[in-house]
Amino acid sequence: MLLFNRDTWQEIFGSIKKNKARTIITVIGVLWGIFIYIVLSGAAKGLDHGFEEKFEDVAMNSMFAWAQQTSVP
């Protein structure tokens, strides 16, 4: 059993040819989304690596607190 028969493929490609502007805008949107995903994933990985490198000497089970005056009495 085929997923798509010949008529379905003809309908798909006919729709693509008929709506060229919409097809181009959709392709640009998908490519832009993939690009942004890659950029944000790389930035997150870089931040993760930066934090690990910055805090690798600090004990992982430590907590630090500084006592300072607050604006609320």
PDB file of N, CA and C in Angstrom:
ATOM      1  N   MET A   1       0.847  -1.185   0.000  1.00  0.00           N
ATOM      2  CA  MET A   1       0.000   0.000   0.000  1.00  0.00           C
ATOM      3  C   MET A   1       0.889   1.245   0.000  1.00  0.00           C
ATOM      4  N   LEU A   2       0.677   2.109  -0.936  1.00  0.00           N
ATOM      5  CA  LEU A   2       1.467   3.328  -1.050  1.00  0.00           C
ATOM      6  C   LEU A   2       0.923   4.405  -0.122  1.00  0.00           C
ATOM      7  N   LEU A   3       1.842   5.220   0.365  1.00  0.00           N
ATOM      8  CA  LEU A   3       1.429   6.322   1.222  1.00  0.00           C
ATOM      9  C   LEU A   3       0.650   7.363   0.416  1.00  0.00           C
ATOM     10  N   PHE A   4       1.188   7.715  -0.748  1.00  0.00           N
ATOM     11  CA  PHE A   4       0.515   8.643  -1.648  1.00  0.00           C
ATOM     12  C   PHE A   4       0.434   7.994  -3.022  1.00  0.00           C
ATOM     13  N   ASN A   5      -0.700   8.083  -3.641  1.00  0.00           N
ATOM     14  CA  ASN A   5      -0.806   7.574  -5.008  1.00  0.00           C
ATOM     15  C   ASN A   5      -0.474   8.696  -5.995  1.00  0.00           C
ATOM     16  N   ARG A   6      -0.518   8.385  -7.264  1.00  0.00           N
ATOM     17  CA  ARG A   6      -0.110   9.340  -8.292  1.00  0.00           C
ATOM     18  C   ARG A   6      -0.999  10.585  -8.295  1.00  0.00           C
ATOM     19  N   ASP A   7      -2.278  10.421  -8.095  1.00  0.00           N
ATOM     20  CA  ASP A   7      -3.195  11.569  -8.083  1.00  0.00           C
ATOM     21  C   ASP A   7      -2.872  12.527  -6.942  1.00  0.00           C
ATOM     22  N   THR A   8      -2.513  11.971  -5.808  1.00  0.00           N
ATOM     23  CA  THR A   8      -2.168  12.814  -4.664  1.00  0.00           C
ATOM     24  C   THR A   8      -0.927  13.641  -4.966  1.00  0.00           C
ATOM     25  N   TRP A   9       0.100  13.012  -5.560  1.00  0.00           N
ATOM     26  CA  TRP A   9       1.326  13.742  -5.910  1.00  0.00           C
ATOM     27  C   TRP A   9       1.029  14.825  -6.941  1.00  0.00           C
ATOM     28  N   GLN A  10       0.179  14.530  -7.901  1.00  0.00           N
ATOM     29  CA  GLN A  10      -0.190  15.534  -8.900  1.00  0.00           C
ATOM     30  C   GLN A  10      -0.904  16.711  -8.248  1.00  0.00           C
ATOM     31  N   GLU A  11      -1.754  16.415  -7.289  1.00  0.00           N
ATOM     32  CA  GLU A  11      -2.455  17.487  -6.580  1.00  0.00           C
ATOM     33  C   GLU A  11      -1.480  18.339  -5.769  1.00  0.00           C
ATOM     34  N   ILE A  12      -0.522  17.690  -5.112  1.00  0.00           N
ATOM     35  CA  ILE A  12       0.465  18.417  -4.306  1.00  0.00           C
ATOM     36  C   ILE A  12       1.294  19.342  -5.190  1.00  0.00           C
ATOM     37  N   PHE A  13       1.861  18.803  -6.265  1.00  0.00           N
ATOM     38  CA  PHE A  13       2.707  19.618  -7.131  1.00  0.00           C
ATOM     39  C   PHE A  13       1.903  20.667  -7.892  1.00  0.00           C
ATOM     40  N   GLY A  14       0.659  20.360  -8.214  1.00  0.00           N
ATOM     41  CA  GLY A  14      -0.209  21.360  -8.839  1.00  0.00           C
ATOM     42  C   GLY A  14      -0.469  22.529  -7.911  1.00  0.00           C
ATOM     43  N   SER A  15      -0.683  22.232  -6.639  1.00  0.00           N
ATOM     44  CA  SER A  15      -0.905  23.281  -5.645  1.00  0.00           C
ATOM     45  C   SER A  15       0.349  24.125  -5.454  1.00  0.00           C
ATOM     46  N   ILE A  16       1.508  23.471  -5.474  1.00  0.00           N
ATOM     47  CA  ILE A  16       2.774  24.204  -5.330  1.00  0.00           C
ATOM     48  C   ILE A  16       2.980  25.143  -6.515  1.00  0.00           C
ATOM     49  N   LYS A  17       2.720  24.662  -7.722  1.00  0.00           N
ATOM     50  CA  LYS A  17       2.885  25.494  -8.917  1.00  0.00           C
ATOM     51  C   LYS A  17       1.877  26.638  -8.950  1.00  0.00           C
ATOM     52  N   LYS A  18       0.674  26.375  -8.473  1.00  0.00           N
ATOM     53  CA  LYS A  18      -0.388  27.381  -8.503  1.00  0.00           C
ATOM     54  C   LYS A  18      -0.130  28.499  -7.490  1.00  0.00           C
ATOM     55  N   ASN A  19       0.426  28.153  -6.339  1.00  0.00           N
ATOM     56  CA  ASN A  19       0.648  29.120  -5.258  1.00  0.00           C
ATOM     57  C   ASN A  19       2.145  29.321  -5.034  1.00  0.00           C
ATOM     58  N   LYS A  20       2.832  29.870  -6.026  1.00  0.00           N
ATOM     59  CA  LYS A  20       4.286  30.012  -5.945  1.00  0.00           C
ATOM     60  C   LYS A  20       4.717  30.947  -4.818  1.00  0.00           C
ATOM     61  N   ALA A  21       4.038  32.068  -4.671  1.00  0.00           N
ATOM     62  CA  ALA A  21       4.423  33.030  -3.633  1.00  0.00           C
ATOM     63  C   ALA A  21       4.265  32.416  -2.244  1.00  0.00           C
ATOM     64  N   ARG A  22       3.157  31.750  -2.024  1.00  0.00           N
ATOM     65  CA  ARG A  22       2.931  31.122  -0.721  1.00  0.00           C
ATOM     66  C   ARG A  22       3.955  30.032  -0.459  1.00  0.00           C
ATOM     67  N   THR A  23       4.309  29.273  -1.499  1.00  0.00           N
ATOM     68  CA  THR A  23       5.305  28.219  -1.358  1.00  0.00           C
ATOM     69  C   THR A  23       6.668  28.803  -1.008  1.00  0.00           C
ATOM     70  N   ILE A  24       7.054  29.879  -1.698  1.00  0.00           N
ATOM     71  CA  ILE A  24       8.353  30.510  -1.429  1.00  0.00           C
ATOM     72  C   ILE A  24       8.390  31.078  -0.022  1.00  0.00           C
ATOM     73  N   ILE A  25       7.330  31.745   0.389  1.00  0.00           N
ATOM     74  CA  ILE A  25       7.280  32.311   1.741  1.00  0.00           C
ATOM     75  C   ILE A  25       7.338  31.204   2.790  1.00  0.00           C
ATOM     76  N   THR A  26       6.667  30.101   2.546  1.00  0.00           N
ATOM     77  CA  THR A  26       6.701  28.971   3.474  1.00  0.00           C
ATOM     78  C   THR A  26       8.100  28.384   3.573  1.00  0.00           C
ATOM     79  N   VAL A  27       8.759  28.209   2.436  1.00  0.00           N
ATOM     80  CA  VAL A  27      10.125  27.671   2.438  1.00  0.00           C
ATOM     81  C   VAL A  27      11.065  28.610   3.182  1.00  0.00           C
ATOM     82  N   ILE A  28      10.944  29.911   2.935  1.00  0.00           N
ATOM     83  CA  ILE A  28      11.785  30.883   3.639  1.00  0.00           C
ATOM     84  C   ILE A  28      11.518  30.819   5.138  1.00  0.00           C
ATOM     85  N   GLY A  29      10.261  30.706   5.528  1.00  0.00           N
ATOM     86  CA  GLY A  29       9.923  30.612   6.950  1.00  0.00           C
ATOM     87  C   GLY A  29      10.501  29.374   7.609  1.00  0.00           C
ATOM     88  N   VAL A  30      10.431  28.250   6.924  1.00  0.00           N
ATOM     89  CA  VAL A  30      10.985  27.008   7.476  1.00  0.00           C
ATOM     90  C   VAL A  30      12.499  27.114   7.594  1.00  0.00           C
ATOM     91  N   LEU A  31      13.158  27.627   6.550  1.00  0.00           N
ATOM     92  CA  LEU A  31      14.617  27.781   6.601  1.00  0.00           C
ATOM     93  C   LEU A  31      15.033  28.758   7.696  1.00  0.00           C
ATOM     94  N   TRP A  32      14.287  29.853   7.853  1.00  0.00           N
ATOM     95  CA  TRP A  32      14.582  30.824   8.904  1.00  0.00           C
ATOM     96  C   TRP A  32      14.418  30.177  10.283  1.00  0.00           C
ATOM     97  N   GLY A  33      13.392  29.382  10.461  1.00  0.00           N
ATOM     98  CA  GLY A  33      13.179  28.697  11.738  1.00  0.00           C
ATOM     99  C   GLY A  33      14.304  27.726  12.055  1.00  0.00           C
ATOM    100  N   ILE A  34      14.756  26.980  11.058  1.00  0.00           N
ATOM    101  CA  ILE A  34      15.878  26.056  11.269  1.00  0.00           C
ATOM    102  C   ILE A  34      17.138  26.831  11.617  1.00  0.00           C
ATOM    103  N   PHE A  35      17.384  27.944  10.911  1.00  0.00           N
ATOM    104  CA  PHE A  35      18.561  28.773  11.182  1.00  0.00           C
ATOM    105  C   PHE A  35      18.536  29.318  12.609  1.00  0.00           C
ATOM    106  N   ILE A  36      17.404  29.862  13.025  1.00  0.00           N
ATOM    107  CA  ILE A  36      17.286  30.414  14.378  1.00  0.00           C
ATOM    108  C   ILE A  36      17.457  29.319  15.419  1.00  0.00           C
ATOM    109  N   TYR A  37      16.907  28.140  15.165  1.00  0.00           N
ATOM    110  CA  TYR A  37      17.071  27.018  16.090  1.00  0.00           C
ATOM    111  C   TYR A  37      18.548  26.668  16.257  1.00  0.00           C
ATOM    112  N   ILE A  38      19.286  26.619  15.158  1.00  0.00           N
ATOM    113  CA  ILE A  38      20.714  26.295  15.220  1.00  0.00           C
ATOM    114  C   ILE A  38      21.476  27.378  15.973  1.00  0.00           C
ATOM    115  N   VAL A  39      21.165  28.645  15.704  1.00  0.00           N
ATOM    116  CA  VAL A  39      21.850  29.749  16.386  1.00  0.00           C
ATOM    117  C   VAL A  39      21.570  29.717  17.885  1.00  0.00           C
ATOM    118  N   LEU A  40      20.311  29.542  18.266  1.00  0.00           N
ATOM    119  CA  LEU A  40      19.968  29.528  19.690  1.00  0.00           C
ATOM    120  C   LEU A  40      20.533  28.298  20.395  1.00  0.00           C
ATOM    121  N   SER A  41      20.558  27.166  19.714  1.00  0.00           N
ATOM    122  CA  SER A  41      21.161  25.968  20.309  1.00  0.00           C
ATOM    123  C   SER A  41      22.650  26.175  20.535  1.00  0.00           C
ATOM    124  N   GLY A  42      23.318  26.791  19.566  1.00  0.00           N
ATOM    125  CA  GLY A  42      24.742  27.082  19.719  1.00  0.00           C
ATOM    126  C   GLY A  42      25.002  28.068  20.841  1.00  0.00           C
ATOM    127  N   ALA A  43      24.159  29.094  20.948  1.00  0.00           N
ATOM    128  CA  ALA A  43      24.315  30.074  22.022  1.00  0.00           C
ATOM    129  C   ALA A  43      24.097  29.423  23.386  1.00  0.00           C
ATOM    130  N   ALA A  44      23.096  28.570  23.491  1.00  0.00           N
ATOM    131  CA  ALA A  44      22.840  27.880  24.759  1.00  0.00           C
ATOM    132  C   ALA A  44      23.996  26.964  25.125  1.00  0.00           C
ATOM    133  N   LYS A  45      24.523  26.262  24.137  1.00  0.00           N
ATOM    134  CA  LYS A  45      25.666  25.376  24.384  1.00  0.00           C
ATOM    135  C   LYS A  45      26.880  26.196  24.817  1.00  0.00           C
ATOM    136  N   GLY A  46      27.099  27.344  24.179  1.00  0.00           N
ATOM    137  CA  GLY A  46      28.204  28.219  24.554  1.00  0.00           C
ATOM    138  C   GLY A  46      28.050  28.762  25.966  1.00  0.00           C
ATOM    139  N   LEU A  47      26.841  29.187  26.323  1.00  0.00           N
ATOM    140  CA  LEU A  47      26.603  29.671  27.683  1.00  0.00           C
ATOM    141  C   LEU A  47      26.812  28.561  28.701  1.00  0.00           C
ATOM    142  N   ASP A  48      26.329  27.375  28.387  1.00  0.00           N
ATOM    143  CA  ASP A  48      26.508  26.234  29.282  1.00  0.00           C
ATOM    144  C   ASP A  48      27.989  25.945  29.492  1.00  0.00           C
ATOM    145  N   HIS A  49      28.732  25.935  28.396  1.00  0.00           N
ATOM    146  CA  HIS A  49      30.174  25.687  28.491  1.00  0.00           C
ATOM    147  C   HIS A  49      30.859  26.804  29.279  1.00  0.00           C
ATOM    148  N   GLY A  50      30.441  28.051  29.047  1.00  0.00           N
ATOM    149  CA  GLY A  50      31.017  29.183  29.771  1.00  0.00           C
ATOM    150  C   GLY A  50      30.769  29.104  31.265  1.00  0.00           C
ATOM    151  N   PHE A  51      29.538  28.771  31.657  1.00  0.00           N
ATOM    152  CA  PHE A  51      29.230  28.644  33.079  1.00  0.00           C
ATOM    153  C   PHE A  51      30.005  27.496  33.713  1.00  0.00           C
ATOM    154  N   GLU A  52      30.097  26.381  33.005  1.00  0.00           N
ATOM    155  CA  GLU A  52      30.858  25.254  33.544  1.00  0.00           C
ATOM    156  C   GLU A  52      32.324  25.621  33.716  1.00  0.00           C
ATOM    157  N   GLU A  53      32.882  26.327  32.751  1.00  0.00           N
ATOM    158  CA  GLU A  53      34.285  26.730  32.830  1.00  0.00           C
ATOM    159  C   GLU A  53      34.494  27.746  33.945  1.00  0.00           C
ATOM    160  N   LYS A  54      33.550  28.663  34.113  1.00  0.00           N
ATOM    161  CA  LYS A  54      33.684  29.720  35.117  1.00  0.00           C
ATOM    162  C   LYS A  54      33.549  29.171  36.538  1.00  0.00           C
ATOM    163  N   PHE A  55      32.662  28.206  36.728  1.00  0.00           N
ATOM    164  CA  PHE A  55      32.366  27.721  38.072  1.00  0.00           C
ATOM    165  C   PHE A  55      32.922  26.331  38.353  1.00  0.00           C
ATOM    166  N   GLU A  56      33.872  25.858  37.552  1.00  0.00           N
ATOM    167  CA  GLU A  56      34.395  24.515  37.777  1.00  0.00           C
ATOM    168  C   GLU A  56      35.214  24.415  39.065  1.00  0.00           C
ATOM    169  N   ASP A  57      35.769  25.529  39.541  1.00  0.00           N
ATOM    170  CA  ASP A  57      36.552  25.508  40.772  1.00  0.00           C
ATOM    171  C   ASP A  57      35.685  25.668  42.014  1.00  0.00           C
ATOM    172  N   VAL A  58      34.454  26.106  41.855  1.00  0.00           N
ATOM    173  CA  VAL A  58      33.548  26.314  42.978  1.00  0.00           C
ATOM    174  C   VAL A  58      32.897  24.972  43.316  1.00  0.00           C
ATOM    175  N   ALA A  59      32.791  24.686  44.599  1.00  0.00           N
ATOM    176  CA  ALA A  59      32.168  23.432  45.027  1.00  0.00           C
ATOM    177  C   ALA A  59      30.721  23.384  44.534  1.00  0.00           C
ATOM    178  N   MET A  60      30.331  22.246  44.005  1.00  0.00           N
ATOM    179  CA  MET A  60      28.998  22.121  43.431  1.00  0.00           C
ATOM    180  C   MET A  60      27.897  22.074  44.493  1.00  0.00           C
ATOM    181  N   ASN A  61      28.225  21.695  45.717  1.00  0.00           N
ATOM    182  CA  ASN A  61      27.205  21.616  46.758  1.00  0.00           C
ATOM    183  C   ASN A  61      27.320  22.777  47.739  1.00  0.00           C
ATOM    184  N   SER A  62      27.794  23.913  47.293  1.00  0.00           N
ATOM    185  CA  SER A  62      27.941  25.096  48.138  1.00  0.00           C
ATOM    186  C   SER A  62      26.891  26.134  47.783  1.00  0.00           C
ATOM    187  N   MET A  63      26.549  26.957  48.793  1.00  0.00           N
ATOM    188  CA  MET A  63      25.644  28.065  48.563  1.00  0.00           C
ATOM    189  C   MET A  63      26.255  29.288  49.223  1.00  0.00           C
ATOM    190  N   PHE A  64      26.220  30.412  48.539  1.00  0.00           N
ATOM    191  CA  PHE A  64      26.800  31.639  49.057  1.00  0.00           C
ATOM    192  C   PHE A  64      25.695  32.664  49.246  1.00  0.00           C
ATOM    193  N   ALA A  65      25.755  33.411  50.357  1.00  0.00           N
ATOM    194  CA  ALA A  65      24.777  34.457  50.633  1.00  0.00           C
ATOM    195  C   ALA A  65      25.520  35.687  51.135  1.00  0.00           C
ATOM    196  N   TRP A  66      25.093  36.852  50.671  1.00  0.00           N
ATOM    197  CA  TRP A  66      25.689  38.099  51.096  1.00  0.00           C
ATOM    198  C   TRP A  66      24.604  38.910  51.797  1.00  0.00           C
ATOM    199  N   ALA A  67      24.925  39.420  52.975  1.00  0.00           N
ATOM    200  CA  ALA A  67      23.977  40.229  53.737  1.00  0.00           C
ATOM    201  C   ALA A  67      24.176  41.689  53.357  1.00  0.00           C
ATOM    202  N   GLN A  68      23.114  42.287  52.847  1.00  0.00           N
ATOM    203  CA  GLN A  68      23.162  43.694  52.479  1.00  0.00           C
ATOM    204  C   GLN A  68      21.854  44.344  52.884  1.00  0.00           C
ATOM    205  N   GLN A  69      21.898  45.652  52.991  1.00  0.00           N
ATOM    206  CA  GLN A  69      20.698  46.387  53.350  1.00  0.00           C
ATOM    207  C   GLN A  69      19.739  46.397  52.159  1.00  0.00           C
ATOM    208  N   THR A  70      18.447  46.212  52.448  1.00  0.00           N
ATOM    209  CA  THR A  70      17.437  46.223  51.392  1.00  0.00           C
ATOM    210  C   THR A  70      16.717  47.557  51.367  1.00  0.00           C
ATOM    211  N   SER A  71      15.972  47.806  50.327  1.00  0.00           N
ATOM    212  CA  SER A  71      15.215  49.050  50.225  1.00  0.00           C
ATOM    213  C   SER A  71      13.906  48.975  51.013  1.00  0.00           C
ATOM    214  N   VAL A  72      13.491  47.766  51.391  1.00  0.00           N
ATOM    215  CA  VAL A  72      12.265  47.591  52.166  1.00  0.00           C
ATOM    216  C   VAL A  72      12.654  47.412  53.630  1.00  0.00           C
ATOM    217  N   PRO A  73      12.100  48.246  54.542  1.00  0.00           N
ATOM    218  CA  PRO A  73      12.474  48.122  55.970  1.00  0.00           C
ATOM    219  C   PRO A  73      11.926  46.859  56.619  1.00  0.00           C
TER     220      PRO A  73
END
